[in-house]
Amino acid sequence: MESHLDAFALGLDALVADYTEQSSIVLQSGTITGLAGIRSFFEEFLKSIRPGFWEAFKIQRQAVRGEVAYLAWEARPFIAMATDTLLVRDGKIHIQTFTALAEDKP
């Protein structure tokens, strides 16, 4: 988990290196499988980040049990709550789930 979080500061190539061609990210909108799709997902995510996001990023809960890692986080006022769950096998993320709830705007 720490390696994956550190990869955000290193850029897109470092993020994608945590996955394999068989890896999948499960989202509310569907499932992305393979390196090309995962690269596109992170490319869009990184492009969408507004100034102040990383300063606001706070981990609420982090747990690792065997091959499974869980992260609950926020980045207010941008993201009210988000969760990631990762199944890691042989040092690579095999399956990841991701859900984020945007901050309500008055």
C-alpha atoms as a PDB file:
ATOM      1  CA  MET A   1       0.000   0.000   0.000  1.00  0.00           C
ATOM      2  CA  GLU A   2       2.774   2.450   0.905  1.00  0.00           C
ATOM      3  CA  SER A   3       4.520   1.795  -2.406  1.00  0.00           C
ATOM      4  CA  HIS A   4       1.335   2.534  -4.346  1.00  0.00           C
ATOM      5  CA  LEU A   5       0.678   5.751  -2.403  1.00  0.00           C
ATOM      6  CA  ASP A   6       4.270   6.861  -2.997  1.00  0.00           C
ATOM      7  CA  ALA A   7       3.849   6.204  -6.745  1.00  0.00           C
ATOM      8  CA  PHE A   8       1.430   9.154  -7.035  1.00  0.00           C
ATOM      9  CA  ALA A   9       4.323  11.534  -6.389  1.00  0.00           C
ATOM     10  CA  LEU A  10       6.465   9.728  -8.982  1.00  0.00           C
ATOM     11  CA  GLY A  11       3.954   9.969 -11.822  1.00  0.00           C
ATOM     12  CA  LEU A  12       1.920   7.901 -14.234  1.00  0.00           C
ATOM     13  CA  ASP A  13       4.586   5.323 -15.135  1.00  0.00           C
ATOM     14  CA  ALA A  14       5.219   4.532 -11.459  1.00  0.00           C
ATOM     15  CA  LEU A  15       1.484   4.102 -10.828  1.00  0.00           C
ATOM     16  CA  VAL A  16       0.952   1.766 -13.775  1.00  0.00           C
ATOM     17  CA  ALA A  17       4.015  -0.289 -12.791  1.00  0.00           C
ATOM     18  CA  ASP A  18       2.011  -1.570  -9.791  1.00  0.00           C
ATOM     19  CA  TYR A  19      -0.319  -3.480 -12.174  1.00  0.00           C
ATOM     20  CA  THR A  20      -0.135  -6.237 -14.797  1.00  0.00           C
ATOM     21  CA  GLU A  21      -2.004  -6.820 -18.043  1.00  0.00           C
ATOM     22  CA  GLN A  22      -4.398  -9.067 -16.073  1.00  0.00           C
ATOM     23  CA  SER A  23      -5.119  -6.455 -13.380  1.00  0.00           C
ATOM     24  CA  SER A  24      -8.557  -4.877 -12.995  1.00  0.00           C
ATOM     25  CA  ILE A  25      -9.954  -1.779 -11.320  1.00  0.00           C
ATOM     26  CA  VAL A  26     -13.629  -2.109 -10.364  1.00  0.00           C
ATOM     27  CA  LEU A  27     -15.530   1.187 -10.353  1.00  0.00           C
ATOM     28  CA  GLN A  28     -19.168   2.153  -9.960  1.00  0.00           C
ATOM     29  CA  SER A  29     -19.225   2.903 -13.707  1.00  0.00           C
ATOM     30  CA  GLY A  30     -17.689  -0.432 -14.748  1.00  0.00           C
ATOM     31  CA  THR A  31     -14.502  -2.479 -14.687  1.00  0.00           C
ATOM     32  CA  ILE A  32     -11.198  -1.592 -16.317  1.00  0.00           C
ATOM     33  CA  THR A  33      -8.848  -4.460 -17.175  1.00  0.00           C
ATOM     34  CA  GLY A  34      -5.351  -4.290 -18.617  1.00  0.00           C
ATOM     35  CA  LEU A  35      -2.511  -1.798 -18.581  1.00  0.00           C
ATOM     36  CA  ALA A  36      -3.832   0.503 -21.321  1.00  0.00           C
ATOM     37  CA  GLY A  37      -7.153   1.025 -19.541  1.00  0.00           C
ATOM     38  CA  ILE A  38      -5.508   1.415 -16.143  1.00  0.00           C
ATOM     39  CA  ARG A  39      -3.072   3.966 -17.590  1.00  0.00           C
ATOM     40  CA  SER A  40      -6.004   5.942 -19.058  1.00  0.00           C
ATOM     41  CA  PHE A  41      -7.863   5.826 -15.737  1.00  0.00           C
ATOM     42  CA  PHE A  42      -4.916   7.244 -13.794  1.00  0.00           C
ATOM     43  CA  GLU A  43      -4.098   9.753 -16.520  1.00  0.00           C
ATOM     44  CA  GLU A  44      -7.634  11.168 -16.263  1.00  0.00           C
ATOM     45  CA  PHE A  45      -7.540  11.056 -12.468  1.00  0.00           C
ATOM     46  CA  LEU A  46      -4.249  12.963 -12.329  1.00  0.00           C
ATOM     47  CA  LYS A  47      -5.491  15.542 -14.862  1.00  0.00           C
ATOM     48  CA  SER A  48      -8.626  16.147 -12.780  1.00  0.00           C
ATOM     49  CA  ILE A  49      -6.717  17.031  -9.607  1.00  0.00           C
ATOM     50  CA  ARG A  50      -7.097  20.689  -8.707  1.00  0.00           C
ATOM     51  CA  PRO A  51      -4.643  22.840  -6.761  1.00  0.00           C
ATOM     52  CA  GLY A  52      -4.784  22.047  -3.053  1.00  0.00           C
ATOM     53  CA  PHE A  53      -5.902  18.419  -3.523  1.00  0.00           C
ATOM     54  CA  TRP A  54      -2.714  16.771  -2.246  1.00  0.00           C
ATOM     55  CA  GLU A  55      -2.477  19.167   0.685  1.00  0.00           C
ATOM     56  CA  ALA A  56      -6.049  18.201   1.631  1.00  0.00           C
ATOM     57  CA  PHE A  57      -5.481  14.438   1.195  1.00  0.00           C
ATOM     58  CA  LYS A  58      -5.932  12.646   4.527  1.00  0.00           C
ATOM     59  CA  ILE A  59      -6.001   8.927   5.238  1.00  0.00           C
ATOM     60  CA  GLN A  60      -8.876   8.063   7.571  1.00  0.00           C
ATOM     61  CA  ARG A  61      -8.187   4.337   7.851  1.00  0.00           C
ATOM     62  CA  GLN A  62      -5.609   1.980   6.446  1.00  0.00           C
ATOM     63  CA  ALA A  63      -5.495  -1.771   7.012  1.00  0.00           C
ATOM     64  CA  VAL A  64      -3.537  -4.616   5.447  1.00  0.00           C
ATOM     65  CA  ARG A  65      -4.491  -8.243   6.024  1.00  0.00           C
ATOM     66  CA  GLY A  66      -2.592 -10.802   4.011  1.00  0.00           C
ATOM     67  CA  GLU A  67      -3.064 -10.002   0.318  1.00  0.00           C
ATOM     68  CA  VAL A  68      -5.786  -7.387   0.931  1.00  0.00           C
ATOM     69  CA  ALA A  69      -5.201  -3.686   1.617  1.00  0.00           C
ATOM     70  CA  TYR A  70      -7.950  -1.187   2.466  1.00  0.00           C
ATOM     71  CA  LEU A  71      -7.728   2.586   2.423  1.00  0.00           C
ATOM     72  CA  ALA A  72     -10.400   5.131   3.399  1.00  0.00           C
ATOM     73  CA  TRP A  73      -9.465   8.730   2.641  1.00  0.00           C
ATOM     74  CA  GLU A  74     -10.721  12.247   2.007  1.00  0.00           C
ATOM     75  CA  ALA A  75      -9.459  15.399   0.321  1.00  0.00           C
ATOM     76  CA  ARG A  76     -11.903  18.085   1.396  1.00  0.00           C
ATOM     77  CA  PRO A  77     -13.317  20.183  -0.185  1.00  0.00           C
ATOM     78  CA  PHE A  78     -12.809  18.028  -3.307  1.00  0.00           C
ATOM     79  CA  ILE A  79     -13.572  14.489  -2.088  1.00  0.00           C
ATOM     80  CA  ALA A  80     -15.746  13.965   0.986  1.00  0.00           C
ATOM     81  CA  MET A  81     -14.866  10.266   1.258  1.00  0.00           C
ATOM     82  CA  ALA A  82     -13.199   7.628  -0.884  1.00  0.00           C
ATOM     83  CA  THR A  83     -12.193   4.005  -0.469  1.00  0.00           C
ATOM     84  CA  ASP A  84      -9.731   1.756  -2.229  1.00  0.00           C
ATOM     85  CA  THR A  85      -9.433  -1.985  -1.679  1.00  0.00           C
ATOM     86  CA  LEU A  86      -6.499  -3.788  -3.275  1.00  0.00           C
ATOM     87  CA  LEU A  87      -5.832  -7.488  -3.749  1.00  0.00           C
ATOM     88  CA  VAL A  88      -2.058  -7.789  -4.134  1.00  0.00           C
ATOM     89  CA  ARG A  89      -0.419 -10.928  -5.523  1.00  0.00           C
ATOM     90  CA  ASP A  90       3.277 -11.373  -6.261  1.00  0.00           C
ATOM     91  CA  GLY A  91       3.917  -7.699  -5.538  1.00  0.00           C
ATOM     92  CA  LYS A  92       1.389  -6.416  -8.108  1.00  0.00           C
ATOM     93  CA  ILE A  93      -2.165  -5.147  -7.704  1.00  0.00           C
ATOM     94  CA  HIS A  94      -4.374  -7.901  -9.093  1.00  0.00           C
ATOM     95  CA  ILE A  95      -7.760  -6.296  -8.348  1.00  0.00           C
ATOM     96  CA  GLN A  96      -8.602  -2.849  -6.997  1.00  0.00           C
ATOM     97  CA  THR A  97     -11.946  -1.364  -6.117  1.00  0.00           C
ATOM     98  CA  PHE A  98     -12.350   2.413  -5.971  1.00  0.00           C
ATOM     99  CA  THR A  99     -15.271   4.591  -4.932  1.00  0.00           C
ATOM    100  CA  ALA A 100     -15.260   8.338  -4.274  1.00  0.00           C
ATOM    101  CA  LEU A 101     -17.959  10.691  -3.074  1.00  0.00           C
ATOM    102  CA  ALA A 102     -17.477  14.306  -4.147  1.00  0.00           C
ATOM    103  CA  GLU A 103     -17.983  17.048  -1.587  1.00  0.00           C
ATOM    104  CA  ASP A 104     -21.497  18.505  -1.610  1.00  0.00           C
ATOM    105  CA  LYS A 105     -21.615  22.058  -2.948  1.00  0.00           C
ATOM    106  CA  PRO A 106     -24.051  24.410  -1.167  1.00  0.00           C
END
